């Protein structure tokens, strides 16, 4: 009798964790921003003048620096949201850990009661 009630509790708990998230909790996401960095053209080649090669190198460095700044700005913009979400992520992980420990404990209690 205990086995069936434990199975029922475990089944209900599993079903509750697999239930779909209600639609009202979904947050619409805006389209991701695009960078405005200007990609340099193709390398002018080994036969190009030193001035052409130097100009291309400056454009390439500027492009990479622009991308670094864009990434830093995006990380800074996302930080408040990731910090706020961390609370919920940690709470969910703690509940999963408690679930796993409890399920193991319940199983051990059940096994000990049989002996």
PDB file of N, CA and C in Angstrom:
ATOM      1  N   UNK A   1       0.812  -1.193   0.000  1.00  0.00           N
ATOM      2  CA  UNK A   1       0.000   0.000   0.000  1.00  0.00           C
ATOM      3  C   UNK A   1       0.854   1.255   0.000  1.00  0.00           C
ATOM      4  N   UNK A   2       1.933   1.238   0.743  1.00  0.00           N
ATOM      5  CA  UNK A   2       2.808   2.406   0.767  1.00  0.00           C
ATOM      6  C   UNK A   2       3.434   2.660  -0.603  1.00  0.00           C
ATOM      7  N   UNK A   3       3.771   1.586  -1.292  1.00  0.00           N
ATOM      8  CA  UNK A   3       4.410   1.753  -2.596  1.00  0.00           C
ATOM      9  C   UNK A   3       3.490   2.496  -3.558  1.00  0.00           C
ATOM     10  N   UNK A   4       2.226   2.153  -3.571  1.00  0.00           N
ATOM     11  CA  UNK A   4       1.319   2.815  -4.506  1.00  0.00           C
ATOM     12  C   UNK A   4       1.108   4.277  -4.135  1.00  0.00           C
ATOM     13  N   UNK A   5       1.034   4.589  -2.837  1.00  0.00           N
ATOM     14  CA  UNK A   5       0.851   5.997  -2.474  1.00  0.00           C
ATOM     15  C   UNK A   5       2.106   6.804  -2.778  1.00  0.00           C
ATOM     16  N   UNK A   6       3.289   6.209  -2.589  1.00  0.00           N
ATOM     17  CA  UNK A   6       4.528   6.903  -2.949  1.00  0.00           C
ATOM     18  C   UNK A   6       4.578   7.122  -4.451  1.00  0.00           C
ATOM     19  N   UNK A   7       4.187   6.105  -5.198  1.00  0.00           N
ATOM     20  CA  UNK A   7       4.169   6.237  -6.656  1.00  0.00           C
ATOM     21  C   UNK A   7       3.216   7.320  -7.111  1.00  0.00           C
ATOM     22  N   UNK A   8       2.068   7.410  -6.443  1.00  0.00           N
ATOM     23  CA  UNK A   8       1.102   8.443  -6.777  1.00  0.00           C
ATOM     24  C   UNK A   8       1.668   9.827  -6.491  1.00  0.00           C
ATOM     25  N   UNK A   9       2.292   9.987  -5.309  1.00  0.00           N
ATOM     26  CA  UNK A   9       2.888  11.279  -4.948  1.00  0.00           C
ATOM     27  C   UNK A   9       3.997  11.633  -5.929  1.00  0.00           C
ATOM     28  N   UNK A  10       4.857  10.666  -6.218  1.00  0.00           N
ATOM     29  CA  UNK A  10       5.951  10.907  -7.151  1.00  0.00           C
ATOM     30  C   UNK A  10       5.414  11.249  -8.539  1.00  0.00           C
ATOM     31  N   UNK A  11       4.371  10.558  -8.963  1.00  0.00           N
ATOM     32  CA  UNK A  11       3.769  10.829 -10.271  1.00  0.00           C
ATOM     33  C   UNK A  11       3.162  12.219 -10.343  1.00  0.00           C
ATOM     34  N   UNK A  12       2.460  12.619  -9.285  1.00  0.00           N
ATOM     35  CA  UNK A  12       1.875  13.958  -9.256  1.00  0.00           C
ATOM     36  C   UNK A  12       2.944  15.039  -9.237  1.00  0.00           C
ATOM     37  N   UNK A  13       4.006  14.795  -8.464  1.00  0.00           N
ATOM     38  CA  UNK A  13       5.095  15.779  -8.412  1.00  0.00           C
ATOM     39  C   UNK A  13       5.775  15.899  -9.764  1.00  0.00           C
ATOM     40  N   UNK A  14       5.971  14.769 -10.422  1.00  0.00           N
ATOM     41  CA  UNK A  14       6.601  14.789 -11.747  1.00  0.00           C
ATOM     42  C   UNK A  14       5.710  15.510 -12.743  1.00  0.00           C
ATOM     43  N   UNK A  15       4.411  15.224 -12.696  1.00  0.00           N
ATOM     44  CA  UNK A  15       3.481  15.882 -13.617  1.00  0.00           C
ATOM     45  C   UNK A  15       3.454  17.385 -13.389  1.00  0.00           C
ATOM     46  N   UNK A  16       3.532  17.792 -12.134  1.00  0.00           N
ATOM     47  CA  UNK A  16       3.518  19.232 -11.826  1.00  0.00           C
ATOM     48  C   UNK A  16       4.750  19.921 -12.380  1.00  0.00           C
ATOM     49  N   UNK A  17       5.896  19.244 -12.351  1.00  0.00           N
ATOM     50  CA  UNK A  17       7.118  19.865 -12.861  1.00  0.00           C
ATOM     51  C   UNK A  17       7.131  19.904 -14.377  1.00  0.00           C
ATOM     52  N   UNK A  18       6.357  19.043 -15.026  1.00  0.00           N
ATOM     53  CA  UNK A  18       6.340  19.004 -16.488  1.00  0.00           C
ATOM     54  C   UNK A  18       5.194  19.814 -17.080  1.00  0.00           C
ATOM     55  N   UNK A  19       4.362  20.421 -16.233  1.00  0.00           N
ATOM     56  CA  UNK A  19       3.235  21.202 -16.720  1.00  0.00           C
ATOM     57  C   UNK A  19       3.733  22.398 -17.533  1.00  0.00           C
ATOM     58  N   UNK A  20       3.020  22.744 -18.606  1.00  0.00           N
ATOM     59  CA  UNK A  20       3.457  23.900 -19.410  1.00  0.00           C
ATOM     60  C   UNK A  20       3.361  25.194 -18.619  1.00  0.00           C
ATOM     61  N   UNK A  21       4.207  26.125 -18.970  1.00  0.00           N
ATOM     62  CA  UNK A  21       4.216  27.436 -18.321  1.00  0.00           C
ATOM     63  C   UNK A  21       3.022  28.225 -18.850  1.00  0.00           C
ATOM     64  N   UNK A  22       2.226  28.820 -17.959  1.00  0.00           N
ATOM     65  CA  UNK A  22       1.079  29.605 -18.432  1.00  0.00           C
ATOM     66  C   UNK A  22       1.521  30.728 -19.375  1.00  0.00           C
ATOM     67  N   UNK A  23       0.678  31.051 -20.329  1.00  0.00           N
ATOM     68  CA  UNK A  23       1.008  32.057 -21.335  1.00  0.00           C
ATOM     69  C   UNK A  23       1.231  33.437 -20.728  1.00  0.00           C
ATOM     70  N   UNK A  24       0.578  33.739 -19.596  1.00  0.00           N
ATOM     71  CA  UNK A  24       0.714  35.076 -19.020  1.00  0.00           C
ATOM     72  C   UNK A  24       2.098  35.352 -18.466  1.00  0.00           C
ATOM     73  N   UNK A  25       2.933  34.326 -18.302  1.00  0.00           N
ATOM     74  CA  UNK A  25       4.280  34.560 -17.778  1.00  0.00           C
ATOM     75  C   UNK A  25       5.294  34.813 -18.886  1.00  0.00           C
ATOM     76  N   UNK A  26       4.883  34.651 -20.123  1.00  0.00           N
ATOM     77  CA  UNK A  26       5.813  34.849 -21.226  1.00  0.00           C
ATOM     78  C   UNK A  26       5.991  36.330 -21.503  1.00  0.00           C
ATOM     79  N   UNK A  27       7.244  36.722 -21.619  1.00  0.00           N
ATOM     80  CA  UNK A  27       7.566  38.123 -21.870  1.00  0.00           C
ATOM     81  C   UNK A  27       7.936  38.271 -23.340  1.00  0.00           C
ATOM     82  N   UNK A  28       7.269  39.171 -24.083  1.00  0.00           N
ATOM     83  CA  UNK A  28       7.641  39.354 -25.487  1.00  0.00           C
ATOM     84  C   UNK A  28       9.054  39.920 -25.591  1.00  0.00           C
ATOM     85  N   UNK A  29       9.815  39.380 -26.476  1.00  0.00           N
ATOM     86  CA  UNK A  29      11.197  39.799 -26.645  1.00  0.00           C
ATOM     87  C   UNK A  29      11.320  40.705 -27.870  1.00  0.00           C
ATOM     88  N   UNK A  30      11.986  41.833 -27.702  1.00  0.00           N
ATOM     89  CA  UNK A  30      12.220  42.700 -28.859  1.00  0.00           C
ATOM     90  C   UNK A  30      13.264  42.049 -29.770  1.00  0.00           C
ATOM     91  N   UNK A  31      13.321  42.480 -31.018  1.00  0.00           N
ATOM     92  CA  UNK A  31      14.352  41.921 -31.900  1.00  0.00           C
ATOM     93  C   UNK A  31      15.737  42.312 -31.382  1.00  0.00           C
ATOM     94  N   UNK A  32      16.703  41.442 -31.568  1.00  0.00           N
ATOM     95  CA  UNK A  32      18.049  41.768 -31.074  1.00  0.00           C
ATOM     96  C   UNK A  32      18.633  42.960 -31.836  1.00  0.00           C
ATOM     97  N   UNK A  33      19.339  43.827 -31.121  1.00  0.00           N
ATOM     98  CA  UNK A  33      19.953  44.969 -31.807  1.00  0.00           C
ATOM     99  C   UNK A  33      21.101  44.507 -32.699  1.00  0.00           C
ATOM    100  N   UNK A  34      21.336  45.260 -33.733  1.00  0.00           N
ATOM    101  CA  UNK A  34      22.443  44.962 -34.640  1.00  0.00           C
ATOM    102  C   UNK A  34      23.532  46.014 -34.442  1.00  0.00           C
ATOM    103  N   UNK A  35      24.754  45.603 -34.613  1.00  0.00           N
ATOM    104  CA  UNK A  35      25.848  46.568 -34.492  1.00  0.00           C
ATOM    105  C   UNK A  35      25.901  47.445 -35.740  1.00  0.00           C
ATOM    106  N   UNK A  36      26.552  48.562 -35.616  1.00  0.00           N
ATOM    107  CA  UNK A  36      26.676  49.478 -36.757  1.00  0.00           C
ATOM    108  C   UNK A  36      28.129  49.576 -37.216  1.00  0.00           C
ATOM    109  N   UNK A  37      28.912  48.562 -36.898  1.00  0.00           N
ATOM    110  CA  UNK A  37      30.339  48.556 -37.267  1.00  0.00           C
ATOM    111  C   UNK A  37      30.492  48.311 -38.767  1.00  0.00           C
ATOM    112  N   UNK A  38      31.440  49.004 -39.356  1.00  0.00           N
ATOM    113  CA  UNK A  38      31.688  48.873 -40.793  1.00  0.00           C
ATOM    114  C   UNK A  38      32.788  47.856 -41.039  1.00  0.00           C
ATOM    115  N   UNK A  39      32.410  46.784 -41.723  1.00  0.00           N
ATOM    116  CA  UNK A  39      33.357  45.710 -42.030  1.00  0.00           C
ATOM    117  C   UNK A  39      34.295  46.184 -43.142  1.00  0.00           C
ATOM    118  N   UNK A  40      35.604  45.975 -42.962  1.00  0.00           N
ATOM    119  CA  UNK A  40      36.518  46.379 -44.039  1.00  0.00           C
ATOM    120  C   UNK A  40      36.354  45.451 -45.248  1.00  0.00           C
ATOM    121  N   UNK A  41      36.724  45.946 -46.380  1.00  0.00           N
ATOM    122  CA  UNK A  41      36.682  45.108 -47.581  1.00  0.00           C
ATOM    123  C   UNK A  41      37.759  44.035 -47.511  1.00  0.00           C
ATOM    124  N   UNK A  42      37.937  43.337 -48.599  1.00  0.00           N
ATOM    125  CA  UNK A  42      38.985  42.319 -48.667  1.00  0.00           C
ATOM    126  C   UNK A  42      40.364  42.959 -48.570  1.00  0.00           C
ATOM    127  N   UNK A  43      41.285  42.180 -48.063  1.00  0.00           N
ATOM    128  CA  UNK A  43      42.673  42.644 -47.980  1.00  0.00           C
ATOM    129  C   UNK A  43      43.132  43.014 -49.393  1.00  0.00           C
ATOM    130  N   UNK A  44      43.873  44.118 -49.540  1.00  0.00           N
ATOM    131  CA  UNK A  44      44.267  44.570 -50.878  1.00  0.00           C
ATOM    132  C   UNK A  44      45.264  43.634 -51.560  1.00  0.00           C
ATOM    133  N   UNK A  45      45.862  42.729 -50.841  1.00  0.00           N
ATOM    134  CA  UNK A  45      46.793  41.775 -51.454  1.00  0.00           C
ATOM    135  C   UNK A  45      48.242  42.180 -51.281  1.00  0.00           C
ATOM    136  N   UNK A  46      49.134  41.258 -51.569  1.00  0.00           N
ATOM    137  CA  UNK A  46      50.562  41.502 -51.327  1.00  0.00           C
ATOM    138  C   UNK A  46      51.163  42.498 -52.311  1.00  0.00           C
ATOM    139  N   UNK A  47      50.521  42.691 -53.447  1.00  0.00           N
ATOM    140  CA  UNK A  47      51.065  43.624 -54.433  1.00  0.00           C
ATOM    141  C   UNK A  47      50.570  45.054 -54.216  1.00  0.00           C
ATOM    142  N   UNK A  48      49.706  45.261 -53.236  1.00  0.00           N
ATOM    143  CA  UNK A  48      49.183  46.599 -52.965  1.00  0.00           C
ATOM    144  C   UNK A  48      50.272  47.480 -52.362  1.00  0.00           C
ATOM    145  N   UNK A  49      50.060  48.771 -52.429  1.00  0.00           N
ATOM    146  CA  UNK A  49      51.027  49.710 -51.847  1.00  0.00           C
ATOM    147  C   UNK A  49      50.959  49.622 -50.319  1.00  0.00           C
ATOM    148  N   UNK A  50      52.016  50.108 -49.690  1.00  0.00           N
ATOM    149  CA  UNK A  50      52.052  50.120 -48.233  1.00  0.00           C
ATOM    150  C   UNK A  50      50.909  50.964 -47.683  1.00  0.00           C
ATOM    151  N   UNK A  51      50.585  52.012 -48.377  1.00  0.00           N
ATOM    152  CA  UNK A  51      49.503  52.890 -47.940  1.00  0.00           C
ATOM    153  C   UNK A  51      48.159  52.155 -47.972  1.00  0.00           C
ATOM    154  N   UNK A  52      47.921  51.361 -49.012  1.00  0.00           N
ATOM    155  CA  UNK A  52      46.676  50.595 -49.100  1.00  0.00           C
ATOM    156  C   UNK A  52      46.611  49.534 -47.992  1.00  0.00           C
ATOM    157  N   UNK A  53      47.737  48.857 -47.770  1.00  0.00           N
ATOM    158  CA  UNK A  53      47.779  47.826 -46.721  1.00  0.00           C
ATOM    159  C   UNK A  53      47.553  48.449 -45.344  1.00  0.00           C
ATOM    160  N   UNK A  54      48.198  49.586 -45.102  1.00  0.00           N
ATOM    161  CA  UNK A  54      48.057  50.272 -43.820  1.00  0.00           C
ATOM    162  C   UNK A  54      46.621  50.749 -43.607  1.00  0.00           C
ATOM    163  N   UNK A  55      46.028  51.267 -44.654  1.00  0.00           N
ATOM    164  CA  UNK A  55      44.633  51.727 -44.567  1.00  0.00           C
ATOM    165  C   UNK A  55      43.693  50.573 -44.242  1.00  0.00           C
ATOM    166  N   UNK A  56      43.919  49.433 -44.886  1.00  0.00           N
ATOM    167  CA  UNK A  56      43.076  48.263 -44.621  1.00  0.00           C
ATOM    168  C   UNK A  56      43.260  47.791 -43.179  1.00  0.00           C
ATOM    169  N   UNK A  57      44.507  47.762 -42.707  1.00  0.00           N
ATOM    170  CA  UNK A  57      44.776  47.323 -41.329  1.00  0.00           C
ATOM    171  C   UNK A  57      44.065  48.239 -40.328  1.00  0.00           C
ATOM    172  N   UNK A  58      44.084  49.553 -40.585  1.00  0.00           N
ATOM    173  CA  UNK A  58      43.394  50.492 -39.698  1.00  0.00           C
ATOM    174  C   UNK A  58      41.882  50.228 -39.689  1.00  0.00           C
ATOM    175  N   UNK A  59      41.318  49.958 -40.863  1.00  0.00           N
ATOM    176  CA  UNK A  59      39.892  49.648 -40.954  1.00  0.00           C
ATOM    177  C   UNK A  59      39.560  48.353 -40.211  1.00  0.00           C
ATOM    178  N   UNK A  60      40.435  47.354 -40.340  1.00  0.00           N
ATOM    179  CA  UNK A  60      40.206  46.076 -39.668  1.00  0.00           C
ATOM    180  C   UNK A  60      40.267  46.247 -38.153  1.00  0.00           C
ATOM    181  N   UNK A  61      41.241  46.982 -37.656  1.00  0.00           N
ATOM    182  CA  UNK A  61      41.369  47.226 -36.213  1.00  0.00           C
ATOM    183  C   UNK A  61      40.163  48.017 -35.713  1.00  0.00           C
ATOM    184  N   UNK A  62      39.750  49.018 -36.469  1.00  0.00           N
ATOM    185  CA  UNK A  62      38.588  49.826 -36.071  1.00  0.00           C
ATOM    186  C   UNK A  62      37.326  48.966 -36.019  1.00  0.00           C
ATOM    187  N   UNK A  63      37.169  48.064 -36.969  1.00  0.00           N
ATOM    188  CA  UNK A  63      36.016  47.169 -36.990  1.00  0.00           C
ATOM    189  C   UNK A  63      36.009  46.279 -35.746  1.00  0.00           C
ATOM    190  N   UNK A  64      37.151  45.686 -35.423  1.00  0.00           N
ATOM    191  CA  UNK A  64      37.238  44.814 -34.252  1.00  0.00           C
ATOM    192  C   UNK A  64      36.991  45.588 -32.963  1.00  0.00           C
ATOM    193  N   UNK A  65      37.506  46.799 -32.866  1.00  0.00           N
ATOM    194  CA  UNK A  65      37.282  47.626 -31.678  1.00  0.00           C
ATOM    195  C   UNK A  65      35.801  47.990 -31.557  1.00  0.00           C
ATOM    196  N   UNK A  66      35.184  48.293 -32.668  1.00  0.00           N
ATOM    197  CA  UNK A  66      33.761  48.616 -32.679  1.00  0.00           C
ATOM    198  C   UNK A  66      32.953  47.418 -32.172  1.00  0.00           C
ATOM    199  N   UNK A  67      33.289  46.227 -32.632  1.00  0.00           N
ATOM    200  CA  UNK A  67      32.592  45.023 -32.169  1.00  0.00           C
ATOM    201  C   UNK A  67      32.791  44.805 -30.673  1.00  0.00           C
ATOM    202  N   UNK A  68      34.001  45.041 -30.170  1.00  0.00           N
ATOM    203  CA  UNK A  68      34.258  44.904 -28.726  1.00  0.00           C
ATOM    204  C   UNK A  68      33.362  45.855 -27.930  1.00  0.00           C
ATOM    205  N   UNK A  69      33.257  47.097 -28.399  1.00  0.00           N
ATOM    206  CA  UNK A  69      32.421  48.083 -27.715  1.00  0.00           C
ATOM    207  C   UNK A  69      30.949  47.668 -27.755  1.00  0.00           C
ATOM    208  N   UNK A  70      30.506  47.140 -28.880  1.00  0.00           N
ATOM    209  CA  UNK A  70      29.123  46.683 -29.014  1.00  0.00           C
ATOM    210  C   UNK A  70      28.842  45.547 -28.031  1.00  0.00           C
ATOM    211  N   UNK A  71      29.753  44.584 -27.952  1.00  0.00           N
ATOM    212  CA  UNK A  71      29.585  43.464 -27.022  1.00  0.00           C
ATOM    213  C   UNK A  71      29.527  43.971 -25.581  1.00  0.00           C
ATOM    214  N   UNK A  72      30.417  44.872 -25.224  1.00  0.00           N
ATOM    215  CA  UNK A  72      30.431  45.424 -23.864  1.00  0.00           C
ATOM    216  C   UNK A  72      29.116  46.151 -23.563  1.00  0.00           C
ATOM    217  N   UNK A  73      28.617  46.894 -24.524  1.00  0.00           N
ATOM    218  CA  UNK A  73      27.354  47.611 -24.324  1.00  0.00           C
ATOM    219  C   UNK A  73      26.189  46.632 -24.166  1.00  0.00           C
ATOM    220  N   UNK A  74      26.181  45.560 -24.936  1.00  0.00           N
ATOM    221  CA  UNK A  74      25.114  44.573 -24.825  1.00  0.00           C
ATOM    222  C   UNK A  74      25.175  43.839 -23.484  1.00  0.00           C
ATOM    223  N   UNK A  75      26.378  43.516 -23.040  1.00  0.00           N
ATOM    224  CA  UNK A  75      26.535  42.861 -21.737  1.00  0.00           C
ATOM    225  C   UNK A  75      26.055  43.791 -20.618  1.00  0.00           C
ATOM    226  N   UNK A  76      26.390  45.055 -20.707  1.00  0.00           N
ATOM    227  CA  UNK A  76      25.959  46.015 -19.697  1.00  0.00           C
ATOM    228  C   UNK A  76      24.438  46.169 -19.704  1.00  0.00           C
ATOM    229  N   UNK A  77      23.832  46.184 -20.887  1.00  0.00           N
ATOM    230  CA  UNK A  77      22.378  46.321 -20.990  1.00  0.00           C
ATOM    231  C   UNK A  77      21.664  45.081 -20.449  1.00  0.00           C
ATOM    232  N   UNK A  78      22.260  43.918 -20.614  1.00  0.00           N
ATOM    233  CA  UNK A  78      21.635  42.666 -20.177  1.00  0.00           C
ATOM    234  C   UNK A  78      21.832  42.393 -18.688  1.00  0.00           C
ATOM    235  N   UNK A  79      22.841  42.996 -18.073  1.00  0.00           N
ATOM    236  CA  UNK A  79      23.191  42.684 -16.681  1.00  0.00           C
ATOM    237  C   UNK A  79      22.033  42.813 -15.703  1.00  0.00           C
ATOM    238  N   UNK A  80      21.261  43.890 -15.724  1.00  0.00           N
ATOM    239  CA  UNK A  80      20.148  43.966 -14.757  1.00  0.00           C
ATOM    240  C   UNK A  80      19.148  42.817 -14.916  1.00  0.00           C
ATOM    241  N   UNK A  81      18.933  42.395 -16.148  1.00  0.00           N
ATOM    242  CA  UNK A  81      17.976  41.312 -16.396  1.00  0.00           C
ATOM    243  C   UNK A  81      18.541  39.962 -15.953  1.00  0.00           C
ATOM    244  N   UNK A  82      19.806  39.730 -16.229  1.00  0.00           N
ATOM    245  CA  UNK A  82      20.401  38.459 -15.807  1.00  0.00           C
ATOM    246  C   UNK A  82      20.526  38.407 -14.293  1.00  0.00           C
ATOM    247  N   UNK A  83      20.815  39.547 -13.665  1.00  0.00           N
ATOM    248  CA  UNK A  83      20.881  39.588 -12.206  1.00  0.00           C
ATOM    249  C   UNK A  83      19.502  39.307 -11.604  1.00  0.00           C
ATOM    250  N   UNK A  84      18.457  39.899 -12.175  1.00  0.00           N
ATOM    251  CA  UNK A  84      17.097  39.680 -11.680  1.00  0.00           C
ATOM    252  C   UNK A  84      16.663  38.228 -11.904  1.00  0.00           C
ATOM    253  N   UNK A  85      17.022  37.659 -13.022  1.00  0.00           N
ATOM    254  CA  UNK A  85      16.647  36.279 -13.326  1.00  0.00           C
ATOM    255  C   UNK A  85      17.393  35.296 -12.442  1.00  0.00           C
ATOM    256  N   UNK A  86      18.577  35.661 -11.980  1.00  0.00           N
ATOM    257  CA  UNK A  86      19.396  34.765 -11.159  1.00  0.00           C
ATOM    258  C   UNK A  86      18.635  34.293  -9.928  1.00  0.00           C
ATOM    259  N   UNK A  87      17.839  35.173  -9.316  1.00  0.00           N
ATOM    260  CA  UNK A  87      17.061  34.817  -8.130  1.00  0.00           C
ATOM    261  C   UNK A  87      16.125  33.649  -8.449  1.00  0.00           C
ATOM    262  N   UNK A  88      15.454  33.728  -9.587  1.00  0.00           N
ATOM    263  CA  UNK A  88      14.505  32.687  -9.976  1.00  0.00           C
ATOM    264  C   UNK A  88      15.221  31.404 -10.398  1.00  0.00           C
ATOM    265  N   UNK A  89      16.320  31.561 -11.078  1.00  0.00           N
ATOM    266  CA  UNK A  89      17.098  30.387 -11.489  1.00  0.00           C
ATOM    267  C   UNK A  89      17.617  29.650 -10.260  1.00  0.00           C
ATOM    268  N   UNK A  90      18.157  30.394  -9.305  1.00  0.00           N
ATOM    269  CA  UNK A  90      18.661  29.780  -8.070  1.00  0.00           C
ATOM    270  C   UNK A  90      17.536  29.104  -7.290  1.00  0.00           C
ATOM    271  N   UNK A  91      16.368  29.748  -7.218  1.00  0.00           N
ATOM    272  CA  UNK A  91      15.230  29.152  -6.507  1.00  0.00           C
ATOM    273  C   UNK A  91      14.785  27.856  -7.182  1.00  0.00           C
ATOM    274  N   UNK A  92      14.747  27.871  -8.496  1.00  0.00           N
ATOM    275  CA  UNK A  92      14.381  26.653  -9.230  1.00  0.00           C
ATOM    276  C   UNK A  92      15.390  25.542  -9.021  1.00  0.00           C
ATOM    277  N   UNK A  93      16.677  25.874  -9.067  1.00  0.00           N
ATOM    278  CA  UNK A  93      17.717  24.872  -8.847  1.00  0.00           C
ATOM    279  C   UNK A  93      17.652  24.313  -7.429  1.00  0.00           C
ATOM    280  N   UNK A  94      17.365  25.169  -6.448  1.00  0.00           N
ATOM    281  CA  UNK A  94      17.246  24.701  -5.065  1.00  0.00           C
ATOM    282  C   UNK A  94      16.058  23.755  -4.921  1.00  0.00           C
ATOM    283  N   UNK A  95      14.960  24.066  -5.593  1.00  0.00           N
ATOM    284  CA  UNK A  95      13.785  23.190  -5.542  1.00  0.00           C
ATOM    285  C   UNK A  95      14.072  21.844  -6.203  1.00  0.00           C
ATOM    286  N   UNK A  96      14.800  21.839  -7.304  1.00  0.00           N
ATOM    287  CA  UNK A  96      15.175  20.587  -7.960  1.00  0.00           C
ATOM    288  C   UNK A  96      16.058  19.756  -7.036  1.00  0.00           C
ATOM    289  N   UNK A  97      17.000  20.415  -6.377  1.00  0.00           N
ATOM    290  CA  UNK A  97      17.876  19.707  -5.439  1.00  0.00           C
ATOM    291  C   UNK A  97      17.070  19.114  -4.288  1.00  0.00           C
ATOM    292  N   UNK A  98      16.137  19.899  -3.729  1.00  0.00           N
ATOM    293  CA  UNK A  98      15.295  19.400  -2.645  1.00  0.00           C
ATOM    294  C   UNK A  98      14.418  18.248  -3.123  1.00  0.00           C
ATOM    295  N   UNK A  99      13.897  18.363  -4.326  1.00  0.00           N
ATOM    296  CA  UNK A  99      13.080  17.295  -4.919  1.00  0.00           C
ATOM    297  C   UNK A  99      13.891  16.003  -5.003  1.00  0.00           C
ATOM    298  N   UNK A 100      15.107  16.094  -5.555  1.00  0.00           N
ATOM    299  CA  UNK A 100      15.942  14.904  -5.717  1.00  0.00           C
ATOM    300  C   UNK A 100      16.293  14.275  -4.371  1.00  0.00           C
ATOM    301  N   UNK A 101      16.666  15.098  -3.398  1.00  0.00           N
ATOM    302  CA  UNK A 101      16.997  14.581  -2.066  1.00  0.00           C
ATOM    303  C   UNK A 101      15.772  13.944  -1.411  1.00  0.00           C
ATOM    304  N   UNK A 102      14.630  14.609  -1.535  1.00  0.00           N
ATOM    305  CA  UNK A 102      13.409  14.082  -0.924  1.00  0.00           C
ATOM    306  C   UNK A 102      12.985  12.782  -1.577  1.00  0.00           C
ATOM    307  N   UNK A 103      13.023  12.707  -2.889  1.00  0.00           N
ATOM    308  CA  UNK A 103      12.647  11.481  -3.586  1.00  0.00           C
ATOM    309  C   UNK A 103      13.558  10.330  -3.163  1.00  0.00           C
ATOM    310  N   UNK A 104      14.854  10.601  -3.037  1.00  0.00           N
ATOM    311  CA  UNK A 104      15.796   9.573  -2.593  1.00  0.00           C
ATOM    312  C   UNK A 104      15.485   9.143  -1.168  1.00  0.00           C
ATOM    313  N   UNK A 105      15.219  10.120  -0.296  1.00  0.00           N
ATOM    314  CA  UNK A 105      14.890   9.818   1.098  1.00  0.00           C
ATOM    315  C   UNK A 105      13.605   9.009   1.189  1.00  0.00           C
ATOM    316  N   UNK A 106      12.576   9.383   0.433  1.00  0.00           N
ATOM    317  CA  UNK A 106      11.310   8.664   0.454  1.00  0.00           C
ATOM    318  C   UNK A 106      11.507   7.220  -0.015  1.00  0.00           C
ATOM    319  N   UNK A 107      12.312   7.044  -1.037  1.00  0.00           N
ATOM    320  CA  UNK A 107      12.595   5.702  -1.560  1.00  0.00           C
ATOM    321  C   UNK A 107      13.323   4.872  -0.515  1.00  0.00           C
ATOM    322  N   UNK A 108      14.313   5.476   0.170  1.00  0.00           N
ATOM    323  CA  UNK A 108      15.038   4.751   1.211  1.00  0.00           C
ATOM    324  C   UNK A 108      14.114   4.375   2.352  1.00  0.00           C
ATOM    325  N   UNK A 109      13.237   5.289   2.769  1.00  0.00           N
ATOM    326  CA  UNK A 109      12.282   4.989   3.829  1.00  0.00           C
ATOM    327  C   UNK A 109      11.371   3.844   3.431  1.00  0.00           C
ATOM    328  N   UNK A 110      10.937   3.879   2.192  1.00  0.00           N
ATOM    329  CA  UNK A 110      10.059   2.841   1.669  1.00  0.00           C
ATOM    330  C   UNK A 110      10.785   1.487   1.679  1.00  0.00           C
ATOM    331  N   UNK A 111      12.024   1.471   1.218  1.00  0.00           N
ATOM    332  CA  UNK A 111      12.812   0.238   1.183  1.00  0.00           C
ATOM    333  C   UNK A 111      13.061  -0.293   2.597  1.00  0.00           C
ATOM    334  N   UNK A 112      13.365   0.612   3.540  1.00  0.00           N
ATOM    335  CA  UNK A 112      13.608   0.197   4.931  1.00  0.00           C
ATOM    336  C   UNK A 112      12.348  -0.360   5.571  1.00  0.00           C
ATOM    337  N   UNK A 113      11.180   0.156   5.214  1.00  0.00           N
ATOM    338  CA  UNK A 113       9.933  -0.323   5.779  1.00  0.00           C
ATOM    339  C   UNK A 113       9.596  -1.732   5.303  1.00  0.00           C
ATOM    340  N   UNK A 114      10.113  -2.125   4.170  1.00  0.00           N
ATOM    341  CA  UNK A 114       9.878  -3.473   3.631  1.00  0.00           C
ATOM    342  C   UNK A 114      10.696  -4.516   4.360  1.00  0.00           C
ATOM    343  N   UNK A 115      11.823  -4.142   4.925  1.00  0.00           N
ATOM    344  CA  UNK A 115      12.726  -5.108   5.562  1.00  0.00           C
ATOM    345  C   UNK A 115      12.373  -5.379   6.985  1.00  0.00           C
TER     346      UNK A 115
END
